[in-house]
Amino acid sequence: MFYGEFEHVIDVKSRVMIPAKFREIFKERYVERFFITRGLDQCLFVFTEEQWKTEEKKFRDMPFTKAESRTFNRLFFSGASEVVCDKQGRILIPDYLKTYADIKAEVMIVGVSSRIEIWAKEKWQGFFDHHKNHFEELAEKLASE
């Protein structure tokens, strides 16, 4: 569904351009609304409404009696914001999410199959540089599970 890496700049009004490739997918699927929230590894997750409902059900079904479940749900859902693309293909990133992801100006928009991730450019580069030499090991480990 969503694939690739795209470098963009966040504007002074905290808007970022969604890559044209992704906007085409939205158009084909009649997607108008998105949900943006705190992601893992200090990035932001962007979900289509359809995928958001899938994730919401999965996390909602986690046992609230477990502290880890409550904590995860609080962080994940309290950070969620519904957004729409404007006519220029931009979405607004709320300030509290910019702070969480340490986004200042340059961002990387990364397609990760069912979701889009938005990273501060330097955070993405650090993540990539740290993990790129372990790609084969990850594949082997995950294939054996």
Protein backbone atom coordinates (compact mmCIF):
# COMPACT_ATOMS: atom_id res chain seq x y z
CA MET A 1 0.00 0.00 0.00
CA PHE A 2 2.46 2.73 1.15
CA TYR A 3 6.10 2.37 0.12
CA GLY A 4 9.12 4.62 -0.27
CA GLU A 5 10.98 7.45 1.44
CA PHE A 6 10.31 11.11 0.70
CA GLU A 7 12.08 14.17 2.03
CA HIS A 8 9.93 17.21 2.78
CA VAL A 9 10.01 20.40 4.80
CA ILE A 10 7.43 21.39 7.37
CA ASP A 11 6.16 24.94 6.81
CA VAL A 12 5.78 27.74 9.37
CA LYS A 13 2.14 26.75 9.94
CA SER A 14 3.19 23.17 10.84
CA ARG A 15 1.92 21.69 7.58
CA VAL A 16 3.72 19.01 5.61
CA MET A 17 3.11 17.89 2.05
CA ILE A 18 1.98 14.31 1.65
CA PRO A 19 3.87 12.75 -1.29
CA ALA A 20 1.91 12.70 -4.56
CA LYS A 21 2.34 8.92 -4.74
CA PHE A 22 0.44 8.56 -1.45
CA ARG A 23 -2.19 11.12 -2.41
CA GLU A 24 -2.95 9.05 -5.51
CA ILE A 25 -3.61 6.04 -3.29
CA PHE A 26 -5.91 8.17 -1.13
CA LYS A 27 -7.79 9.36 -4.20
CA GLU A 28 -8.23 5.82 -5.55
CA ARG A 29 -9.59 4.64 -2.20
CA TYR A 30 -11.72 7.75 -1.55
CA VAL A 31 -9.73 8.49 1.59
CA GLU A 32 -10.36 11.94 3.02
CA ARG A 33 -9.58 11.66 6.72
CA PHE A 34 -6.45 10.44 8.47
CA PHE A 35 -5.38 9.85 12.01
CA ILE A 36 -1.95 10.93 13.18
CA THR A 37 -0.54 9.85 16.52
CA ARG A 38 2.58 9.06 18.48
CA GLY A 39 4.46 6.23 16.85
CA LEU A 40 7.22 3.98 18.05
CA ASP A 41 10.90 4.95 17.88
CA GLN A 42 9.95 8.63 18.24
CA CYS A 43 8.23 8.97 14.88
CA LEU A 44 4.60 9.75 14.04
CA PHE A 45 2.17 7.20 12.64
CA VAL A 46 -0.39 8.25 10.04
CA PHE A 47 -3.28 5.89 9.33
CA THR A 48 -6.15 6.02 6.89
CA GLU A 49 -9.53 5.96 8.63
CA GLU A 50 -10.00 2.32 7.60
CA GLN A 51 -6.64 1.25 9.01
CA TRP A 52 -7.18 3.37 12.13
CA LYS A 53 -10.35 1.40 12.89
CA THR A 54 -8.39 -1.85 12.54
CA GLU A 55 -5.64 -0.64 14.87
CA GLU A 56 -8.16 0.82 17.30
CA LYS A 57 -9.98 -2.50 17.63
CA LYS A 58 -6.72 -4.41 18.11
CA PHE A 59 -5.55 -2.11 20.89
CA ARG A 60 -8.99 -1.72 22.43
CA ASP A 61 -9.15 -5.50 22.84
CA MET A 62 -5.96 -5.55 24.90
CA PRO A 63 -6.66 -6.32 28.58
CA PHE A 64 -7.03 -3.07 30.53
CA THR A 65 -6.00 -4.93 33.69
CA LYS A 66 -2.40 -5.01 32.44
CA ALA A 67 -0.39 -1.88 33.22
CA GLU A 68 1.52 -2.07 29.91
CA SER A 69 -1.74 -2.17 27.98
CA ARG A 70 -3.16 0.84 29.82
CA THR A 71 0.05 2.81 29.36
CA PHE A 72 0.33 2.02 25.67
CA ASN A 73 -3.32 2.89 25.01
CA ARG A 74 -3.02 6.16 26.93
CA LEU A 75 0.05 7.25 24.99
CA PHE A 76 -1.22 6.05 21.63
CA PHE A 77 -4.81 7.31 21.75
CA SER A 78 -4.30 10.52 23.75
CA GLY A 79 -1.87 11.64 21.07
CA ALA A 80 -4.24 10.95 18.19
CA SER A 81 -5.56 13.74 16.02
CA GLU A 82 -7.86 13.57 13.01
CA VAL A 83 -6.45 15.41 9.99
CA VAL A 84 -7.44 16.07 6.39
CA CYS A 85 -5.34 17.03 3.37
CA ASP A 86 -5.85 20.58 2.17
CA LYS A 87 -6.11 21.39 -1.55
CA GLN A 88 -2.31 21.49 -1.84
CA GLY A 89 -1.97 18.00 -0.32
CA ARG A 90 -0.72 19.12 3.09
CA ILE A 91 -1.68 17.93 6.55
CA LEU A 92 -1.31 19.86 9.78
CA ILE A 93 0.92 18.31 12.42
CA PRO A 94 -0.17 19.39 15.91
CA ASP A 95 2.56 21.05 17.98
CA TYR A 96 2.52 18.37 20.69
CA LEU A 97 3.25 15.71 18.04
CA LYS A 98 6.03 17.82 16.52
CA THR A 99 7.56 18.05 19.99
CA TYR A 100 7.20 14.30 20.59
CA ALA A 101 8.95 13.46 17.29
CA ASP A 102 11.48 16.30 17.65
CA ILE A 103 10.39 17.70 14.28
CA LYS A 104 11.73 21.14 13.49
CA ALA A 105 12.01 21.62 9.72
CA GLU A 106 13.13 18.71 7.56
CA VAL A 107 11.11 15.51 7.70
CA MET A 108 11.16 12.10 6.10
CA ILE A 109 7.82 10.63 5.10
CA VAL A 110 8.17 6.88 4.98
CA GLY A 111 5.69 4.36 3.61
CA VAL A 112 5.54 1.26 5.82
CA SER A 113 2.91 -0.91 4.14
CA SER A 114 -0.35 -0.13 5.99
CA ARG A 115 0.77 3.16 7.51
CA ILE A 116 2.84 6.25 6.85
CA GLU A 117 5.54 7.33 9.28
CA ILE A 118 6.76 10.91 9.66
CA TRP A 119 10.24 11.31 11.10
CA ALA A 120 12.52 14.22 11.89
CA LYS A 121 15.08 13.81 9.10
CA GLU A 122 18.04 13.40 11.45
CA LYS A 123 16.15 10.82 13.58
CA TRP A 124 15.31 8.76 10.48
CA GLN A 125 18.91 8.90 9.30
CA GLY A 126 20.12 7.79 12.74
CA PHE A 127 17.61 4.93 12.83
CA PHE A 128 18.52 3.83 9.31
CA ASP A 129 22.28 4.07 9.89
CA HIS A 130 21.98 2.06 13.11
CA HIS A 131 19.94 -0.76 11.57
CA LYS A 132 21.02 -0.99 7.92
CA ASN A 133 23.90 -3.39 8.62
CA HIS A 134 21.61 -5.77 10.52
CA PHE A 135 18.93 -6.14 7.85
CA GLU A 136 19.85 -9.74 7.00
CA GLU A 137 20.00 -10.73 10.67
CA LEU A 138 16.55 -9.26 11.23
CA ALA A 139 15.18 -11.16 8.25
CA GLU A 140 16.64 -14.44 9.51
CA LYS A 141 15.38 -13.90 13.04
CA LEU A 142 11.86 -12.96 11.96
CA ALA A 143 11.69 -15.83 9.46
CA SER A 144 12.50 -18.33 12.20
CA GLU A 145 9.79 -17.11 14.59
